[in-house]
PDB file of N, CA and C in Angstrom:
ATOM      1  N   PHE A   1      33.863-205.387  94.832  1.00  0.00           N
ATOM      2  CA  PHE A   1      32.840-205.818  94.282  1.00  0.00           C
ATOM      3  C   PHE A   1      31.999-206.384  95.000  1.00  0.00           C
ATOM      4  N   SER A   2      30.407-206.489  95.118  1.00  0.00           N
ATOM      5  CA  SER A   2      29.699-206.935  95.932  1.00  0.00           C
ATOM      6  C   SER A   2      28.936-208.131  95.199  1.00  0.00           C
ATOM      7  N   VAL A   3      28.377-209.053  96.059  1.00  0.00           N
ATOM      8  CA  VAL A   3      27.438-210.168  95.523  1.00  0.00           C
ATOM      9  C   VAL A   3      26.044-209.787  94.493  1.00  0.00           C
ATOM     10  N   GLY A   4      26.225-210.181  93.397  1.00  0.00           N
ATOM     11  CA  GLY A   4      25.177-209.701  92.345  1.00  0.00           C
ATOM     12  C   GLY A   4      25.444-209.633  90.820  1.00  0.00           C
ATOM     13  N   LYS A   5      24.745-209.205  90.035  1.00  0.00           N
ATOM     14  CA  LYS A   5      25.222-209.004  88.766  1.00  0.00           C
ATOM     15  C   LYS A   5      25.649-207.503  88.292  1.00  0.00           C
ATOM     16  N   HIS A   6      26.991-208.216  87.404  1.00  0.00           N
ATOM     17  CA  HIS A   6      27.745-207.396  86.986  1.00  0.00           C
ATOM     18  C   HIS A   6      28.256-207.102  85.846  1.00  0.00           C
ATOM     19  N   THR A   7      28.146-206.268  85.159  1.00  0.00           N
ATOM     20  CA  THR A   7      28.660-205.876  83.447  1.00  0.00           C
ATOM     21  C   THR A   7      29.360-205.314  83.280  1.00  0.00           C
ATOM     22  N   PHE A   8      30.557-206.022  82.555  1.00  0.00           N
ATOM     23  CA  PHE A   8      31.690-205.457  82.066  1.00  0.00           C
ATOM     24  C   PHE A   8      31.844-205.240  80.352  1.00  0.00           C
ATOM     25  N   LYS A   9      32.422-203.720  79.861  1.00  0.00           N
ATOM     26  CA  LYS A   9      32.511-204.055  78.350  1.00  0.00           C
ATOM     27  C   LYS A   9      34.026-203.462  78.430  1.00  0.00           C
ATOM     28  N   PHE A  10      34.337-204.042  77.563  1.00  0.00           N
ATOM     29  CA  PHE A  10      35.757-203.991  76.934  1.00  0.00           C
ATOM     30  C   PHE A  10      35.953-203.521  75.366  1.00  0.00           C
ATOM     31  N   LYS A  11      36.748-202.399  75.140  1.00  0.00           N
ATOM     32  CA  LYS A  11      36.454-201.901  73.743  1.00  0.00           C
ATOM     33  C   LYS A  11      38.132-202.326  73.275  1.00  0.00           C
ATOM     34  N   SER A  12      38.486-202.949  72.116  1.00  0.00           N
ATOM     35  CA  SER A  12      39.486-203.027  71.458  1.00  0.00           C
ATOM     36  C   SER A  12      39.658-202.824  70.074  1.00  0.00           C
ATOM     37  N   GLU A  13      40.928-202.415  69.469  1.00  0.00           N
ATOM     38  CA  GLU A  13      40.760-202.075  68.297  1.00  0.00           C
ATOM     39  C   GLU A  13      40.853-203.514  67.244  1.00  0.00           C
ATOM     40  N   ILE A  14      41.195-204.529  67.614  1.00  0.00           N
ATOM     41  CA  ILE A  14      41.178-205.515  66.932  1.00  0.00           C
ATOM     42  C   ILE A  14      39.809-206.253  67.217  1.00  0.00           C
ATOM     43  N   ILE A  15      39.894-206.408  68.158  1.00  0.00           N
ATOM     44  CA  ILE A  15      38.073-207.136  68.965  1.00  0.00           C
ATOM     45  C   ILE A  15      37.302-206.107  69.100  1.00  0.00           C
ATOM     46  N   PRO A  16      35.849-206.498  68.522  1.00  0.00           N
ATOM     47  CA  PRO A  16      35.042-205.168  68.727  1.00  0.00           C
ATOM     48  C   PRO A  16      34.348-205.626  70.014  1.00  0.00           C
ATOM     49  N   THR A  17      33.685-204.521  70.582  1.00  0.00           N
ATOM     50  CA  THR A  17      32.988-204.454  71.797  1.00  0.00           C
ATOM     51  C   THR A  17      32.541-205.832  72.654  1.00  0.00           C
ATOM     52  N   LEU A  18      33.395-206.212  73.469  1.00  0.00           N
ATOM     53  CA  LEU A  18      32.935-207.389  74.189  1.00  0.00           C
ATOM     54  C   LEU A  18      32.305-207.261  75.511  1.00  0.00           C
ATOM     55  N   GLU A  19      31.030-208.001  76.001  1.00  0.00           N
ATOM     56  CA  GLU A  19      30.063-207.522  76.580  1.00  0.00           C
ATOM     57  C   GLU A  19      30.248-208.600  77.621  1.00  0.00           C
ATOM     58  N   PHE A  20      30.746-209.049  79.032  1.00  0.00           N
ATOM     59  CA  PHE A  20      30.498-209.976  79.810  1.00  0.00           C
ATOM     60  C   PHE A  20      29.860-209.507  80.898  1.00  0.00           C
ATOM     61  N   ASN A  21      28.676-210.791  80.939  1.00  0.00           N
ATOM     62  CA  ASN A  21      27.429-210.690  82.145  1.00  0.00           C
ATOM     63  C   ASN A  21      27.998-211.760  83.405  1.00  0.00           C
ATOM     64  N   PHE A  22      27.955-211.681  84.309  1.00  0.00           N
ATOM     65  CA  PHE A  22      28.286-212.439  85.178  1.00  0.00           C
ATOM     66  C   PHE A  22      27.448-212.107  86.323  1.00  0.00           C
ATOM     67  N   GLU A  23      27.544-213.448  87.308  1.00  0.00           N
ATOM     68  CA  GLU A  23      26.799-213.136  88.720  1.00  0.00           C
ATOM     69  C   GLU A  23      27.997-213.540  89.670  1.00  0.00           C
ATOM     70  N   LEU A  24      28.373-212.721  90.103  1.00  0.00           N
ATOM     71  CA  LEU A  24      29.252-213.118  91.748  1.00  0.00           C
ATOM     72  C   LEU A  24      28.462-213.784  92.898  1.00  0.00           C
ATOM     73  N   GLY A  25      29.272-214.979  93.311  1.00  0.00           N
ATOM     74  CA  GLY A  25      28.922-215.636  94.016  1.00  0.00           C
ATOM     75  C   GLY A  25      29.957-215.808  95.109  1.00  0.00           C
ATOM     76  N   ALA A  26      29.579-216.677  96.306  1.00  0.00           N
ATOM     77  CA  ALA A  26      30.698-216.693  97.222  1.00  0.00           C
ATOM     78  C   ALA A  26      32.130-217.741  96.476  1.00  0.00           C
ATOM     79  N   GLU A  27      31.671-218.699  95.798  1.00  0.00           N
ATOM     80  CA  GLU A  27      32.939-218.853  95.084  1.00  0.00           C
ATOM     81  C   GLU A  27      33.566-218.066  94.083  1.00  0.00           C
ATOM     82  N   ASN A  28      32.695-217.127  93.330  1.00  0.00           N
ATOM     83  CA  ASN A  28      33.562-215.914  92.754  1.00  0.00           C
ATOM     84  C   ASN A  28      34.272-215.296  93.504  1.00  0.00           C
ATOM     85  N   LEU A  29      33.926-214.716  94.635  1.00  0.00           N
ATOM     86  CA  LEU A  29      34.471-213.624  95.547  1.00  0.00           C
ATOM     87  C   LEU A  29      35.739-214.200  96.138  1.00  0.00           C
ATOM     88  N   ASN A  30      36.226-215.752  96.435  1.00  0.00           N
ATOM     89  CA  ASN A  30      37.018-216.501  96.755  1.00  0.00           C
ATOM     90  C   ASN A  30      38.332-216.183  95.900  1.00  0.00           C
ATOM     91  N   GLN A  31      38.093-216.262  94.344  1.00  0.00           N
ATOM     92  CA  GLN A  31      38.994-216.145  93.476  1.00  0.00           C
ATOM     93  C   GLN A  31      39.338-214.563  93.341  1.00  0.00           C
ATOM     94  N   LYS A  32      40.995-214.629  93.119  1.00  0.00           N
ATOM     95  CA  LYS A  32      41.819-213.516  92.643  1.00  0.00           C
ATOM     96  C   LYS A  32      41.332-213.155  91.483  1.00  0.00           C
ATOM     97  N   PHE A  33      41.110-211.679  91.533  1.00  0.00           N
ATOM     98  CA  PHE A  33      40.893-210.785  90.283  1.00  0.00           C
ATOM     99  C   PHE A  33      41.377-209.473  90.241  1.00  0.00           C
ATOM    100  N   ASP A  34      42.782-209.662  89.190  1.00  0.00           N
ATOM    101  CA  ASP A  34      43.595-208.431  88.778  1.00  0.00           C
ATOM    102  C   ASP A  34      42.849-207.520  87.563  1.00  0.00           C
ATOM    103  N   PRO A  35      42.433-206.549  87.760  1.00  0.00           N
ATOM    104  CA  PRO A  35      42.017-205.465  86.715  1.00  0.00           C
ATOM    105  C   PRO A  35      43.175-205.254  86.040  1.00  0.00           C
ATOM    106  N   LYS A  36      44.393-205.353  86.351  1.00  0.00           N
ATOM    107  CA  LYS A  36      45.715-204.783  85.538  1.00  0.00           C
ATOM    108  C   LYS A  36      45.988-205.813  84.186  1.00  0.00           C
TER     109      LYS A  36
END
């Protein structure tokens, strides 16, 4: 990932398509992110 705006879309059979918009910063980059 790089600093900037990112958009993620998740599709689920139970929950309608969720769209997450967030901006990554220094604090976000320091946090661990596991896509699994």
